[in-house]
Amino acid sequence: MAKTNMSVNTETKRFDTKNILRDQRILLFIIIVGGALIVGAVNEKFWNPMNIVAIFQQIAVAGLLTMAMGMLLLLGGIDLSIGNIMILSGCVMSVLLTNGVKLAIALPVGILVSILCGLINGIIIAKSKCMPLIISLGMSGAYFGIALLITEGRFMSFKLAFEGLRTLKLFNIIPITLLIFIALVIVASIVVNRTKYGRRIVAIGGNEKNAYLSGINVDLYKILTYSLSGLYCGIAAILYASRLDSITAQGGSGYELTALTGAIIGGITFDGGKGTILGAFLGVVLMGILSNAMTILGVNTFVQEIVSGLIIVVAVVLSNIDAIRKK
């Protein structure tokens, strides 16, 4: 009997080890640490504390959008309009500030606009039963057009309204904007992993029909999740404004692909119901480190674009690896 138990324990340990090695979060962490060590060995400027802080500051906006995209992918959805929702929110704030409206009013109005955009996307997708990719792509064009209309295609200033947020630092080292980003990553992780709402959106993403038959109001959760992603876009607009102090309607281009790539690299799949928020966070961190490393090492800008494109392709292939194995 003791021999049998020992055999079972050995098999369990092997199984656990195998699962650990297949955990995308652990693999990403190893890649991040290994990559950082290599870049740091080639150029010691990488380890400068200010450079490390700068990396996280640079990914804060894209990181919040990645959290939004990650939650939608877990739901079985997608939103290619999140970049333009963020920019529209920022443009609304800038137009209000330019016309003498107080920040205390302009800021919540901008966030409400982004939530409204997410709500509209969610209602159309939930009620029409159409492909989220196509609906969100069309709405992306609409939000871009509205941003162009209200700004008349011009660069708009925030009148240094967010200067305090940009310069404020904890212990005179860690930017408050970075802490806001980390806090919202933690909130997203708790929402997905520790709440009934999170478990239900994962269930919908895993099998929408079964979720419906089990009594989950699928349409309601879709609308809520798209609205939540809109909230994250609105907060991302604030971080965007604090960093640049200006905005243009064209500023949202490419953010949706960055967010999608970060989430997929982090192990969230197009199938829905698979992956974690922590994985998505590590995915966007890896992209930030890679971008920073190429800049520090003096890689040609055009080559960086090629690398970024290849990363997207590799990420999509990896997200579909299980389907390939089954065939």
C-alpha atoms as a PDB file:
ATOM      1  CA  MET A   1       0.000   0.000   0.000  1.00  0.00           C
ATOM      2  CA  ALA A   2       2.827   2.363   0.897  1.00  0.00           C
ATOM      3  CA  LYS A   3       4.444   1.597  -2.446  1.00  0.00           C
ATOM      4  CA  THR A   4       1.201   2.428  -4.259  1.00  0.00           C
ATOM      5  CA  ASN A   5       0.847   5.730  -2.413  1.00  0.00           C
ATOM      6  CA  MET A   6       4.448   6.616  -3.210  1.00  0.00           C
ATOM      7  CA  SER A   7       3.749   5.897  -6.886  1.00  0.00           C
ATOM      8  CA  VAL A   8       0.663   8.097  -6.853  1.00  0.00           C
ATOM      9  CA  ASN A   9       2.564  10.915  -5.142  1.00  0.00           C
ATOM     10  CA  THR A  10       5.356  10.665  -7.705  1.00  0.00           C
ATOM     11  CA  GLU A  11       2.855  10.843 -10.575  1.00  0.00           C
ATOM     12  CA  THR A  12       1.168  13.833  -8.937  1.00  0.00           C
ATOM     13  CA  LYS A  13       4.485  15.655  -8.589  1.00  0.00           C
ATOM     14  CA  ARG A  14       5.304  14.979 -12.226  1.00  0.00           C
ATOM     15  CA  PHE A  15       1.889  16.228 -13.274  1.00  0.00           C
ATOM     16  CA  ASP A  16       2.237  19.365 -11.174  1.00  0.00           C
ATOM     17  CA  THR A  17       5.704  20.063 -12.556  1.00  0.00           C
ATOM     18  CA  LYS A  18       4.419  19.630 -16.084  1.00  0.00           C
ATOM     19  CA  ASN A  19       1.559  22.045 -15.420  1.00  0.00           C
ATOM     20  CA  ILE A  20       3.921  24.605 -13.904  1.00  0.00           C
ATOM     21  CA  LEU A  21       6.170  24.475 -16.959  1.00  0.00           C
ATOM     22  CA  ARG A  22       3.134  24.962 -19.211  1.00  0.00           C
ATOM     23  CA  ASP A  23       1.887  27.969 -17.216  1.00  0.00           C
ATOM     24  CA  GLN A  24       2.254  30.915 -19.574  1.00  0.00           C
ATOM     25  CA  ARG A  25       2.654  33.359 -16.691  1.00  0.00           C
ATOM     26  CA  ILE A  26       5.719  31.541 -15.387  1.00  0.00           C
ATOM     27  CA  LEU A  27       7.211  31.261 -18.851  1.00  0.00           C
ATOM     28  CA  LEU A  28       6.619  34.972 -19.436  1.00  0.00           C
ATOM     29  CA  PHE A  29       8.237  35.849 -16.122  1.00  0.00           C
ATOM     30  CA  ILE A  30      11.291  33.752 -17.026  1.00  0.00           C
ATOM     31  CA  ILE A  31      11.490  35.408 -20.463  1.00  0.00           C
ATOM     32  CA  ILE A  32      11.145  38.890 -18.935  1.00  0.00           C
ATOM     33  CA  VAL A  33      13.890  38.270 -16.364  1.00  0.00           C
ATOM     34  CA  GLY A  34      16.160  36.550 -18.891  1.00  0.00           C
ATOM     35  CA  GLY A  35      15.656  39.263 -21.489  1.00  0.00           C
ATOM     36  CA  ALA A  36      16.296  42.013 -18.941  1.00  0.00           C
ATOM     37  CA  LEU A  37      19.526  40.347 -17.806  1.00  0.00           C
ATOM     38  CA  ILE A  38      20.767  40.028 -21.385  1.00  0.00           C
ATOM     39  CA  VAL A  39      19.944  43.640 -22.303  1.00  0.00           C
ATOM     40  CA  GLY A  40      21.417  44.872 -19.024  1.00  0.00           C
ATOM     41  CA  ALA A  41      24.628  42.964 -19.720  1.00  0.00           C
ATOM     42  CA  VAL A  42      24.906  44.546 -23.181  1.00  0.00           C
ATOM     43  CA  ASN A  43      24.034  48.061 -22.006  1.00  0.00           C
ATOM     44  CA  GLU A  44      24.100  48.885 -18.281  1.00  0.00           C
ATOM     45  CA  LYS A  45      21.853  51.924 -18.865  1.00  0.00           C
ATOM     46  CA  PHE A  46      18.938  49.492 -18.892  1.00  0.00           C
ATOM     47  CA  TRP A  47      19.270  48.958 -15.126  1.00  0.00           C
ATOM     48  CA  ASN A  48      19.124  52.646 -14.335  1.00  0.00           C
ATOM     49  CA  PRO A  49      16.190  52.976 -11.871  1.00  0.00           C
ATOM     50  CA  MET A  50      14.830  55.911 -13.866  1.00  0.00           C
ATOM     51  CA  ASN A  51      14.802  53.747 -17.009  1.00  0.00           C
ATOM     52  CA  ILE A  52      12.888  50.960 -15.234  1.00  0.00           C
ATOM     53  CA  VAL A  53      10.320  53.493 -14.000  1.00  0.00           C
ATOM     54  CA  ALA A  54      10.164  54.971 -17.511  1.00  0.00           C
ATOM     55  CA  ILE A  55       9.345  51.541 -18.986  1.00  0.00           C
ATOM     56  CA  PHE A  56       6.302  51.185 -16.752  1.00  0.00           C
ATOM     57  CA  GLN A  57       5.255  54.771 -17.377  1.00  0.00           C
ATOM     58  CA  GLN A  58       5.419  54.150 -21.120  1.00  0.00           C
ATOM     59  CA  ILE A  59       3.249  51.032 -20.917  1.00  0.00           C
ATOM     60  CA  ALA A  60       0.688  52.481 -18.472  1.00  0.00           C
ATOM     61  CA  VAL A  61      -1.746  53.702 -21.154  1.00  0.00           C
ATOM     62  CA  ALA A  62      -1.404  50.601 -23.340  1.00  0.00           C
ATOM     63  CA  GLY A  63      -1.496  48.500 -20.176  1.00  0.00           C
ATOM     64  CA  LEU A  64      -4.904  49.812 -19.107  1.00  0.00           C
ATOM     65  CA  LEU A  65      -6.241  49.177 -22.599  1.00  0.00           C
ATOM     66  CA  THR A  66      -4.772  45.666 -22.408  1.00  0.00           C
ATOM     67  CA  MET A  67      -6.718  45.082 -19.191  1.00  0.00           C
ATOM     68  CA  ALA A  68      -9.882  46.202 -20.992  1.00  0.00           C
ATOM     69  CA  MET A  69      -9.137  43.967 -23.976  1.00  0.00           C
ATOM     70  CA  GLY A  70      -8.245  41.060 -21.699  1.00  0.00           C
ATOM     71  CA  MET A  71     -11.595  41.152 -19.908  1.00  0.00           C
ATOM     72  CA  LEU A  72     -13.425  41.281 -23.238  1.00  0.00           C
ATOM     73  CA  LEU A  73     -11.436  38.360 -24.656  1.00  0.00           C
ATOM     74  CA  LEU A  74     -12.216  36.320 -21.532  1.00  0.00           C
ATOM     75  CA  LEU A  75     -15.882  37.101 -22.214  1.00  0.00           C
ATOM     76  CA  GLY A  76     -15.472  35.794 -25.756  1.00  0.00           C
ATOM     77  CA  GLY A  77     -15.614  39.289 -27.223  1.00  0.00           C
ATOM     78  CA  ILE A  78     -13.197  41.827 -28.653  1.00  0.00           C
ATOM     79  CA  ASP A  79     -13.149  45.587 -29.126  1.00  0.00           C
ATOM     80  CA  LEU A  80     -11.069  47.199 -31.860  1.00  0.00           C
ATOM     81  CA  SER A  81     -12.394  50.628 -30.935  1.00  0.00           C
ATOM     82  CA  ILE A  82     -10.733  50.979 -27.512  1.00  0.00           C
ATOM     83  CA  GLY A  83      -7.934  53.187 -28.869  1.00  0.00           C
ATOM     84  CA  ASN A  84     -10.398  55.624 -30.408  1.00  0.00           C
ATOM     85  CA  ILE A  85     -12.678  55.487 -27.352  1.00  0.00           C
ATOM     86  CA  MET A  86      -9.712  56.599 -25.254  1.00  0.00           C
ATOM     87  CA  ILE A  87      -8.865  59.387 -27.692  1.00  0.00           C
ATOM     88  CA  LEU A  88     -12.474  60.563 -27.966  1.00  0.00           C
ATOM     89  CA  SER A  89     -12.645  60.739 -24.166  1.00  0.00           C
ATOM     90  CA  GLY A  90      -9.441  62.780 -24.113  1.00  0.00           C
ATOM     91  CA  CYS A  91     -10.633  65.051 -26.927  1.00  0.00           C
ATOM     92  CA  VAL A  92     -13.869  65.776 -25.065  1.00  0.00           C
ATOM     93  CA  MET A  93     -11.884  66.749 -21.969  1.00  0.00           C
ATOM     94  CA  SER A  94      -9.506  68.946 -23.974  1.00  0.00           C
ATOM     95  CA  VAL A  95     -12.341  70.747 -25.802  1.00  0.00           C
ATOM     96  CA  LEU A  96     -14.111  71.435 -22.512  1.00  0.00           C
ATOM     97  CA  LEU A  97     -10.916  72.700 -20.866  1.00  0.00           C
ATOM     98  CA  THR A  98     -10.135  74.897 -23.879  1.00  0.00           C
ATOM     99  CA  ASN A  99     -13.574  76.468 -23.555  1.00  0.00           C
ATOM    100  CA  GLY A 100     -13.024  77.368 -19.919  1.00  0.00           C
ATOM    101  CA  VAL A 101     -14.788  74.433 -18.250  1.00  0.00           C
ATOM    102  CA  LYS A 102     -13.276  73.451 -14.894  1.00  0.00           C
ATOM    103  CA  LEU A 103     -11.264  70.222 -14.635  1.00  0.00           C
ATOM    104  CA  ALA A 104     -13.658  68.981 -11.947  1.00  0.00           C
ATOM    105  CA  ILE A 105     -16.376  68.905 -14.627  1.00  0.00           C
ATOM    106  CA  ALA A 106     -14.340  68.080 -17.746  1.00  0.00           C
ATOM    107  CA  LEU A 107     -12.723  65.000 -16.213  1.00  0.00           C
ATOM    108  CA  PRO A 108     -15.902  63.099 -15.185  1.00  0.00           C
ATOM    109  CA  VAL A 109     -17.604  64.104 -18.459  1.00  0.00           C
ATOM    110  CA  GLY A 110     -14.688  62.580 -20.392  1.00  0.00           C
ATOM    111  CA  ILE A 111     -14.909  59.349 -18.413  1.00  0.00           C
ATOM    112  CA  LEU A 112     -18.692  59.224 -18.849  1.00  0.00           C
ATOM    113  CA  VAL A 113     -18.182  59.556 -22.615  1.00  0.00           C
ATOM    114  CA  SER A 114     -15.854  56.544 -22.657  1.00  0.00           C
ATOM    115  CA  ILE A 115     -18.277  54.491 -20.540  1.00  0.00           C
ATOM    116  CA  LEU A 116     -21.102  55.490 -22.896  1.00  0.00           C
ATOM    117  CA  CYS A 117     -19.065  54.345 -25.899  1.00  0.00           C
ATOM    118  CA  GLY A 118     -18.433  50.985 -24.230  1.00  0.00           C
ATOM    119  CA  LEU A 119     -22.117  50.739 -23.321  1.00  0.00           C
ATOM    120  CA  ILE A 120     -23.172  51.417 -26.930  1.00  0.00           C
ATOM    121  CA  ASN A 121     -20.748  48.775 -28.208  1.00  0.00           C
ATOM    122  CA  GLY A 122     -22.022  46.272 -25.658  1.00  0.00           C
ATOM    123  CA  ILE A 123     -25.699  46.865 -26.452  1.00  0.00           C
ATOM    124  CA  ILE A 124     -25.192  46.561 -30.216  1.00  0.00           C
ATOM    125  CA  ILE A 125     -23.049  43.419 -29.901  1.00  0.00           C
ATOM    126  CA  ALA A 126     -25.296  41.756 -27.315  1.00  0.00           C
ATOM    127  CA  LYS A 127     -28.612  42.492 -29.008  1.00  0.00           C
ATOM    128  CA  SER A 128     -27.617  42.131 -32.665  1.00  0.00           C
ATOM    129  CA  LYS A 129     -25.680  38.869 -32.102  1.00  0.00           C
ATOM    130  CA  CYS A 130     -23.241  40.108 -34.753  1.00  0.00           C
ATOM    131  CA  MET A 131     -19.491  39.515 -34.699  1.00  0.00           C
ATOM    132  CA  PRO A 132     -17.873  41.813 -32.095  1.00  0.00           C
ATOM    133  CA  LEU A 133     -14.842  42.289 -34.343  1.00  0.00           C
ATOM    134  CA  ILE A 134     -16.906  43.795 -37.170  1.00  0.00           C
ATOM    135  CA  ILE A 135     -19.147  45.891 -34.907  1.00  0.00           C
ATOM    136  CA  SER A 136     -16.238  47.316 -32.935  1.00  0.00           C
ATOM    137  CA  LEU A 137     -14.281  48.027 -36.117  1.00  0.00           C
ATOM    138  CA  GLY A 138     -17.217  50.034 -37.459  1.00  0.00           C
ATOM    139  CA  MET A 139     -17.702  51.861 -34.172  1.00  0.00           C
ATOM    140  CA  SER A 140     -13.995  52.648 -34.092  1.00  0.00           C
ATOM    141  CA  GLY A 141     -14.443  54.624 -37.305  1.00  0.00           C
ATOM    142  CA  ALA A 142     -17.459  56.395 -35.822  1.00  0.00           C
ATOM    143  CA  TYR A 143     -15.610  57.433 -32.644  1.00  0.00           C
ATOM    144  CA  PHE A 144     -12.639  58.580 -34.708  1.00  0.00           C
ATOM    145  CA  GLY A 145     -14.985  60.706 -36.825  1.00  0.00           C
ATOM    146  CA  ILE A 146     -16.590  62.271 -33.749  1.00  0.00           C
ATOM    147  CA  ALA A 147     -13.141  63.096 -32.344  1.00  0.00           C
ATOM    148  CA  LEU A 148     -12.205  64.727 -35.655  1.00  0.00           C
ATOM    149  CA  LEU A 149     -15.465  66.660 -35.673  1.00  0.00           C
ATOM    150  CA  ILE A 150     -15.201  68.145 -32.192  1.00  0.00           C
ATOM    151  CA  THR A 151     -11.495  69.021 -32.549  1.00  0.00           C
ATOM    152  CA  GLU A 152     -11.754  70.035 -36.217  1.00  0.00           C
ATOM    153  CA  GLY A 153      -8.716  67.843 -36.828  1.00  0.00           C
ATOM    154  CA  ARG A 154      -6.422  70.085 -34.761  1.00  0.00           C
ATOM    155  CA  PHE A 155      -4.010  69.361 -31.948  1.00  0.00           C
ATOM    156  CA  MET A 156      -5.740  70.182 -28.668  1.00  0.00           C
ATOM    157  CA  SER A 157      -4.068  71.183 -25.402  1.00  0.00           C
ATOM    158  CA  PHE A 158      -5.050  70.167 -21.892  1.00  0.00           C
ATOM    159  CA  LYS A 159      -3.780  73.526 -20.605  1.00  0.00           C
ATOM    160  CA  LEU A 160      -1.466  71.774 -18.105  1.00  0.00           C
ATOM    161  CA  ALA A 161      -4.593  70.619 -16.248  1.00  0.00           C
ATOM    162  CA  PHE A 162      -2.944  67.262 -15.476  1.00  0.00           C
ATOM    163  CA  GLU A 163       0.529  68.656 -14.721  1.00  0.00           C
ATOM    164  CA  GLY A 164       0.145  67.888 -11.024  1.00  0.00           C
ATOM    165  CA  LEU A 165      -0.694  64.263 -11.797  1.00  0.00           C
ATOM    166  CA  ARG A 166       2.311  63.979 -14.123  1.00  0.00           C
ATOM    167  CA  THR A 167       4.829  65.370 -11.641  1.00  0.00           C
ATOM    168  CA  LEU A 168       3.465  63.854  -8.425  1.00  0.00           C
ATOM    169  CA  LYS A 169       5.702  61.039  -7.150  1.00  0.00           C
ATOM    170  CA  LEU A 170       5.693  58.702  -4.170  1.00  0.00           C
ATOM    171  CA  PHE A 171       8.934  59.061  -2.172  1.00  0.00           C
ATOM    172  CA  ASN A 172      10.010  61.417  -4.955  1.00  0.00           C
ATOM    173  CA  ILE A 173      10.732  58.346  -7.141  1.00  0.00           C
ATOM    174  CA  ILE A 174       7.599  56.410  -8.150  1.00  0.00           C
ATOM    175  CA  PRO A 175       5.125  58.378 -10.332  1.00  0.00           C
ATOM    176  CA  ILE A 176       1.528  58.373  -9.114  1.00  0.00           C
ATOM    177  CA  THR A 177       0.428  57.537 -12.671  1.00  0.00           C
ATOM    178  CA  LEU A 178       2.368  54.277 -12.386  1.00  0.00           C
ATOM    179  CA  LEU A 179       0.673  53.460  -9.073  1.00  0.00           C
ATOM    180  CA  ILE A 180      -2.734  54.153 -10.653  1.00  0.00           C
ATOM    181  CA  PHE A 181      -1.884  51.723 -13.448  1.00  0.00           C
ATOM    182  CA  ILE A 182      -0.753  48.971 -11.029  1.00  0.00           C
ATOM    183  CA  ALA A 183      -3.808  49.521  -8.799  1.00  0.00           C
ATOM    184  CA  LEU A 184      -6.187  49.132 -11.759  1.00  0.00           C
ATOM    185  CA  VAL A 185      -4.409  45.943 -12.855  1.00  0.00           C
ATOM    186  CA  ILE A 186      -4.992  44.555  -9.356  1.00  0.00           C
ATOM    187  CA  VAL A 187      -8.640  45.645  -9.449  1.00  0.00           C
ATOM    188  CA  ALA A 188      -9.166  43.913 -12.818  1.00  0.00           C
ATOM    189  CA  SER A 189      -7.518  40.749 -11.498  1.00  0.00           C
ATOM    190  CA  ILE A 190      -9.700  40.724  -8.379  1.00  0.00           C
ATOM    191  CA  VAL A 191     -12.858  41.364 -10.418  1.00  0.00           C
ATOM    192  CA  VAL A 192     -12.113  38.460 -12.763  1.00  0.00           C
ATOM    193  CA  ASN A 193     -10.795  35.965 -10.195  1.00  0.00           C
ATOM    194  CA  ARG A 194     -12.612  36.771  -6.954  1.00  0.00           C
ATOM    195  CA  THR A 195     -16.132  37.873  -7.849  1.00  0.00           C
ATOM    196  CA  LYS A 196     -19.290  36.208  -9.105  1.00  0.00           C
ATOM    197  CA  TYR A 197     -19.279  38.689 -11.981  1.00  0.00           C
ATOM    198  CA  GLY A 198     -15.780  37.595 -13.039  1.00  0.00           C
ATOM    199  CA  ARG A 199     -16.618  33.904 -12.864  1.00  0.00           C
ATOM    200  CA  ARG A 200     -19.690  34.483 -14.987  1.00  0.00           C
ATOM    201  CA  ILE A 201     -17.893  36.371 -17.766  1.00  0.00           C
ATOM    202  CA  VAL A 202     -15.326  33.554 -17.905  1.00  0.00           C
ATOM    203  CA  ALA A 203     -18.189  31.044 -18.054  1.00  0.00           C
ATOM    204  CA  ILE A 204     -19.780  32.984 -20.932  1.00  0.00           C
ATOM    205  CA  GLY A 205     -16.465  33.049 -22.765  1.00  0.00           C
ATOM    206  CA  GLY A 206     -15.974  29.324 -22.202  1.00  0.00           C
ATOM    207  CA  ASN A 207     -19.385  28.312 -23.496  1.00  0.00           C
ATOM    208  CA  GLU A 208     -22.024  30.969 -24.060  1.00  0.00           C
ATOM    209  CA  LYS A 209     -24.854  28.500 -24.668  1.00  0.00           C
ATOM    210  CA  ASN A 210     -24.185  26.565 -21.458  1.00  0.00           C
ATOM    211  CA  ALA A 211     -23.909  29.835 -19.532  1.00  0.00           C
ATOM    212  CA  TYR A 212     -27.308  30.913 -20.862  1.00  0.00           C
ATOM    213  CA  LEU A 213     -28.882  27.538 -20.009  1.00  0.00           C
ATOM    214  CA  SER A 214     -27.487  27.757 -16.475  1.00  0.00           C
ATOM    215  CA  GLY A 215     -29.438  30.979 -15.925  1.00  0.00           C
ATOM    216  CA  ILE A 216     -26.797  33.630 -16.607  1.00  0.00           C
ATOM    217  CA  ASN A 217     -28.116  36.771 -18.285  1.00  0.00           C
ATOM    218  CA  VAL A 218     -25.558  36.701 -21.106  1.00  0.00           C
ATOM    219  CA  ASP A 219     -26.618  39.977 -22.740  1.00  0.00           C
ATOM    220  CA  LEU A 220     -26.443  41.863 -19.430  1.00  0.00           C
ATOM    221  CA  TYR A 221     -22.916  40.643 -18.683  1.00  0.00           C
ATOM    222  CA  LYS A 222     -21.762  41.517 -22.182  1.00  0.00           C
ATOM    223  CA  ILE A 223     -23.107  45.052 -21.823  1.00  0.00           C
ATOM    224  CA  LEU A 224     -21.561  45.435 -18.363  1.00  0.00           C
ATOM    225  CA  THR A 225     -18.158  44.182 -19.510  1.00  0.00           C
ATOM    226  CA  TYR A 226     -18.024  46.477 -22.542  1.00  0.00           C
ATOM    227  CA  SER A 227     -19.036  49.364 -20.249  1.00  0.00           C
ATOM    228  CA  LEU A 228     -16.251  48.408 -17.818  1.00  0.00           C
ATOM    229  CA  SER A 229     -13.760  48.369 -20.685  1.00  0.00           C
ATOM    230  CA  GLY A 230     -14.993  51.870 -21.546  1.00  0.00           C
ATOM    231  CA  LEU A 231     -14.227  52.983 -17.986  1.00  0.00           C
ATOM    232  CA  TYR A 232     -10.659  51.698 -18.337  1.00  0.00           C
ATOM    233  CA  CYS A 233     -10.361  53.586 -21.641  1.00  0.00           C
ATOM    234  CA  GLY A 234     -11.456  56.783 -19.899  1.00  0.00           C
ATOM    235  CA  ILE A 235      -8.857  56.392 -17.152  1.00  0.00           C
ATOM    236  CA  ALA A 236      -6.247  55.589 -19.817  1.00  0.00           C
ATOM    237  CA  ALA A 237      -7.180  58.925 -21.443  1.00  0.00           C
ATOM    238  CA  ILE A 238      -6.309  60.720 -18.197  1.00  0.00           C
ATOM    239  CA  LEU A 239      -2.876  59.052 -18.057  1.00  0.00           C
ATOM    240  CA  TYR A 240      -2.407  59.889 -21.748  1.00  0.00           C
ATOM    241  CA  ALA A 241      -3.250  63.527 -21.045  1.00  0.00           C
ATOM    242  CA  SER A 242      -0.943  63.737 -18.021  1.00  0.00           C
ATOM    243  CA  ARG A 243       1.976  62.457 -20.057  1.00  0.00           C
ATOM    244  CA  LEU A 244       1.598  64.477 -23.282  1.00  0.00           C
ATOM    245  CA  ASP A 245      -0.578  67.480 -22.321  1.00  0.00           C
ATOM    246  CA  SER A 246      -1.930  67.491 -25.888  1.00  0.00           C
ATOM    247  CA  ILE A 247      -4.081  65.260 -28.029  1.00  0.00           C
ATOM    248  CA  THR A 248      -5.190  64.746 -31.607  1.00  0.00           C
ATOM    249  CA  ALA A 249      -7.951  62.591 -33.058  1.00  0.00           C
ATOM    250  CA  GLN A 250      -5.322  60.459 -34.822  1.00  0.00           C
ATOM    251  CA  GLY A 251      -3.619  59.598 -31.519  1.00  0.00           C
ATOM    252  CA  GLY A 252      -5.483  56.331 -30.932  1.00  0.00           C
ATOM    253  CA  SER A 253      -4.090  54.507 -33.950  1.00  0.00           C
ATOM    254  CA  GLY A 254      -2.397  51.227 -33.094  1.00  0.00           C
ATOM    255  CA  TYR A 255      -3.415  51.021 -29.447  1.00  0.00           C
ATOM    256  CA  GLU A 256      -6.015  48.336 -30.130  1.00  0.00           C
ATOM    257  CA  LEU A 257      -3.363  46.059 -31.702  1.00  0.00           C
ATOM    258  CA  THR A 258      -0.957  46.686 -28.838  1.00  0.00           C
ATOM    259  CA  ALA A 259      -3.654  45.797 -26.310  1.00  0.00           C
ATOM    260  CA  LEU A 260      -4.681  42.715 -28.261  1.00  0.00           C
ATOM    261  CA  THR A 261      -1.077  41.550 -28.602  1.00  0.00           C
ATOM    262  CA  GLY A 262      -0.331  42.071 -24.909  1.00  0.00           C
ATOM    263  CA  ALA A 263      -3.387  40.066 -23.873  1.00  0.00           C
ATOM    264  CA  ILE A 264      -2.648  37.220 -26.277  1.00  0.00           C
ATOM    265  CA  ILE A 265       1.048  37.042 -25.356  1.00  0.00           C
ATOM    266  CA  GLY A 266      -0.192  36.816 -21.773  1.00  0.00           C
ATOM    267  CA  GLY A 267      -2.140  33.648 -22.551  1.00  0.00           C
ATOM    268  CA  ILE A 268      -5.679  34.963 -23.134  1.00  0.00           C
ATOM    269  CA  THR A 269      -7.073  33.315 -26.249  1.00  0.00           C
ATOM    270  CA  PHE A 270      -9.567  34.316 -28.923  1.00  0.00           C
ATOM    271  CA  ASP A 271     -11.723  31.350 -27.853  1.00  0.00           C
ATOM    272  CA  GLY A 272     -12.776  33.065 -24.633  1.00  0.00           C
ATOM    273  CA  GLY A 273     -12.788  31.770 -21.071  1.00  0.00           C
ATOM    274  CA  LYS A 274      -9.037  31.063 -21.054  1.00  0.00           C
ATOM    275  CA  GLY A 275      -6.220  33.115 -19.600  1.00  0.00           C
ATOM    276  CA  THR A 276      -5.607  35.523 -16.738  1.00  0.00           C
ATOM    277  CA  ILE A 277      -5.316  39.250 -16.123  1.00  0.00           C
ATOM    278  CA  LEU A 278      -1.875  38.676 -14.569  1.00  0.00           C
ATOM    279  CA  GLY A 279      -0.785  37.014 -17.797  1.00  0.00           C
ATOM    280  CA  ALA A 280      -2.024  39.993 -19.821  1.00  0.00           C
ATOM    281  CA  PHE A 281      -0.100  42.334 -17.510  1.00  0.00           C
ATOM    282  CA  LEU A 282       3.099  40.316 -17.998  1.00  0.00           C
ATOM    283  CA  GLY A 283       2.456  40.341 -21.745  1.00  0.00           C
ATOM    284  CA  VAL A 284       2.366  44.126 -21.924  1.00  0.00           C
ATOM    285  CA  VAL A 285       5.414  44.374 -19.619  1.00  0.00           C
ATOM    286  CA  LEU A 286       7.353  42.110 -21.995  1.00  0.00           C
ATOM    287  CA  MET A 287       6.377  44.323 -24.934  1.00  0.00           C
ATOM    288  CA  GLY A 288       7.465  47.428 -23.008  1.00  0.00           C
ATOM    289  CA  ILE A 289      10.837  45.927 -22.125  1.00  0.00           C
ATOM    290  CA  LEU A 290      11.380  44.795 -25.716  1.00  0.00           C
ATOM    291  CA  SER A 291      10.574  48.252 -27.081  1.00  0.00           C
ATOM    292  CA  ASN A 292      12.830  49.930 -24.514  1.00  0.00           C
ATOM    293  CA  ALA A 293      15.643  47.453 -25.174  1.00  0.00           C
ATOM    294  CA  MET A 294      15.547  48.068 -28.923  1.00  0.00           C
ATOM    295  CA  THR A 295      15.697  51.832 -28.318  1.00  0.00           C
ATOM    296  CA  ILE A 296      18.612  51.541 -25.878  1.00  0.00           C
ATOM    297  CA  LEU A 297      20.500  49.227 -28.234  1.00  0.00           C
ATOM    298  CA  GLY A 298      19.983  51.642 -31.115  1.00  0.00           C
ATOM    299  CA  VAL A 299      17.836  49.362 -33.283  1.00  0.00           C
ATOM    300  CA  ASN A 300      16.563  51.124 -36.409  1.00  0.00           C
ATOM    301  CA  THR A 301      12.984  52.430 -36.043  1.00  0.00           C
ATOM    302  CA  PHE A 302      11.883  50.609 -39.189  1.00  0.00           C
ATOM    303  CA  VAL A 303      13.326  47.349 -37.841  1.00  0.00           C
ATOM    304  CA  GLN A 304      11.382  47.925 -34.618  1.00  0.00           C
ATOM    305  CA  GLU A 305       8.173  48.092 -36.665  1.00  0.00           C
ATOM    306  CA  ILE A 306       9.073  44.780 -38.343  1.00  0.00           C
ATOM    307  CA  VAL A 307       9.732  43.159 -34.960  1.00  0.00           C
ATOM    308  CA  SER A 308       6.436  44.499 -33.564  1.00  0.00           C
ATOM    309  CA  GLY A 309       4.526  43.055 -36.528  1.00  0.00           C
ATOM    310  CA  LEU A 310       6.196  39.658 -36.159  1.00  0.00           C
ATOM    311  CA  ILE A 311       5.377  39.622 -32.443  1.00  0.00           C
ATOM    312  CA  ILE A 312       1.677  40.001 -33.279  1.00  0.00           C
ATOM    313  CA  VAL A 313       1.843  37.048 -35.696  1.00  0.00           C
ATOM    314  CA  VAL A 314       3.714  34.861 -33.197  1.00  0.00           C
ATOM    315  CA  ALA A 315       1.275  35.805 -30.421  1.00  0.00           C
ATOM    316  CA  VAL A 316      -1.749  34.809 -32.526  1.00  0.00           C
ATOM    317  CA  VAL A 317      -0.133  31.501 -33.530  1.00  0.00           C
ATOM    318  CA  LEU A 318       0.710  30.707 -29.905  1.00  0.00           C
ATOM    319  CA  SER A 319      -2.860  31.507 -28.844  1.00  0.00           C
ATOM    320  CA  ASN A 320      -4.074  28.911 -31.346  1.00  0.00           C
ATOM    321  CA  ILE A 321      -1.485  26.257 -30.480  1.00  0.00           C
ATOM    322  CA  ASP A 322      -3.968  23.968 -28.701  1.00  0.00           C
ATOM    323  CA  ALA A 323      -6.222  23.890 -31.788  1.00  0.00           C
ATOM    324  CA  ILE A 324      -3.194  23.026 -33.930  1.00  0.00           C
ATOM    325  CA  ARG A 325      -2.241  20.152 -31.583  1.00  0.00           C
ATOM    326  CA  LYS A 326      -5.782  18.721 -31.682  1.00  0.00           C
ATOM    327  CA  LYS A 327      -5.618  18.505 -35.472  1.00  0.00           C
END
